[in-house]
Protein backbone atom coordinates (compact mmCIF):
# COMPACT_ATOMS: atom_id res chain seq x y z
CA UNK A 1 0.00 0.00 0.00
CA UNK A 2 1.28 3.47 -0.86
CA UNK A 3 0.71 6.75 0.92
CA UNK A 4 -1.67 9.00 -1.03
CA UNK A 5 0.25 12.12 0.02
CA UNK A 6 3.98 11.30 -0.25
CA UNK A 7 3.95 7.93 -2.05
CA UNK A 8 5.87 6.19 0.76
CA UNK A 9 5.66 2.40 1.15
CA UNK A 10 5.86 2.29 4.99
CA UNK A 11 2.13 2.32 5.81
CA UNK A 12 0.43 0.67 8.79
CA UNK A 13 -3.26 -0.24 8.97
CA UNK A 14 -5.12 -0.03 12.29
CA UNK A 15 -8.66 -0.45 13.57
CA UNK A 16 -9.65 2.65 15.57
CA UNK A 17 -12.73 3.22 17.72
CA UNK A 18 -14.54 6.22 16.29
CA UNK A 19 -17.61 6.46 18.49
CA UNK A 20 -19.83 4.69 20.97
CA UNK A 21 -23.43 4.65 22.09
CA UNK A 22 -24.93 3.44 25.34
CA UNK A 23 -28.43 2.04 25.37
CA UNK A 24 -30.17 1.89 28.76
CA UNK A 25 -33.19 -0.20 29.59
CA UNK A 26 -35.40 0.64 32.55
CA UNK A 27 -35.98 -1.27 35.75
CA UNK A 28 -39.52 -2.47 34.88
CA UNK A 29 -42.42 -3.16 37.22
CA UNK A 30 -40.41 -5.49 39.47
CA UNK A 31 -37.69 -2.88 39.86
CA UNK A 32 -40.17 -0.14 40.77
CA UNK A 33 -41.78 -2.43 43.35
CA UNK A 34 -38.33 -3.28 44.75
CA UNK A 35 -37.40 0.40 45.01
CA UNK A 36 -40.70 1.27 46.71
CA UNK A 37 -40.27 -1.53 49.27
CA UNK A 38 -36.68 -0.42 49.80
CA UNK A 39 -37.83 3.15 50.53
CA UNK A 40 -40.47 2.05 53.04
CA UNK A 41 -37.97 -0.22 54.78
CA UNK A 42 -35.41 2.57 54.87
CA UNK A 43 -37.84 4.92 56.58
CA UNK A 44 -38.68 2.34 59.25
CA UNK A 45 -35.02 1.43 59.90
CA UNK A 46 -33.79 5.06 59.76
CA UNK A 47 -31.77 4.35 56.61
CA UNK A 48 -29.74 1.43 57.97
CA UNK A 49 -31.28 -1.02 55.46
CA UNK A 50 -29.76 0.99 52.61
CA UNK A 51 -26.34 -0.31 53.61
CA UNK A 52 -27.24 -3.82 52.39
CA UNK A 53 -30.24 -3.39 50.08
CA UNK A 54 -29.24 -1.65 46.86
CA UNK A 55 -31.43 0.27 44.46
CA UNK A 56 -32.50 -1.31 41.14
CA UNK A 57 -30.88 0.75 38.37
CA UNK A 58 -31.62 -1.18 35.16
CA UNK A 59 -29.10 -2.32 32.59
CA UNK A 60 -26.98 -0.64 29.95
CA UNK A 61 -25.19 -1.88 26.85
CA UNK A 62 -22.43 0.05 25.08
CA UNK A 63 -21.59 -0.54 21.43
CA UNK A 64 -18.55 0.92 19.67
CA UNK A 65 -18.00 1.72 16.00
CA UNK A 66 -14.63 0.85 14.52
CA UNK A 67 -12.99 2.25 11.41
CA UNK A 68 -10.05 0.93 9.42
CA UNK A 69 -7.40 3.67 9.17
CA UNK A 70 -4.06 3.75 7.36
CA UNK A 71 -1.11 5.74 8.74
CA UNK A 72 2.02 6.66 6.77
CA UNK A 73 5.15 6.23 8.89
CA UNK A 74 7.13 8.64 6.69
CA UNK A 75 4.97 11.77 6.62
CA UNK A 76 2.32 11.05 9.31
CA UNK A 77 -0.66 11.37 6.97
CA UNK A 78 -3.67 9.22 7.87
CA UNK A 79 -6.79 8.31 5.89
CA UNK A 80 -9.81 6.07 6.18
CA UNK A 81 -9.95 2.79 4.26
CA UNK A 82 -13.23 1.21 3.19
């Protein structure tokens, strides 16, 4: 592979992360019931139950986009490869 700018032969190809998105899903009916029961128990125990009983927060999934990029070792020019 040749550099498009200087014509050099010393080119490396790398996969770079270009962006990411996080999708969150809610806690649902069971999670809301759990959080309500947790709040009532916390009031009656003056907050001591919160040390062991954690809040339902739902789940999240992160996906990343990757892009193939070439980098010329001679001049430092980089470009995207399809």
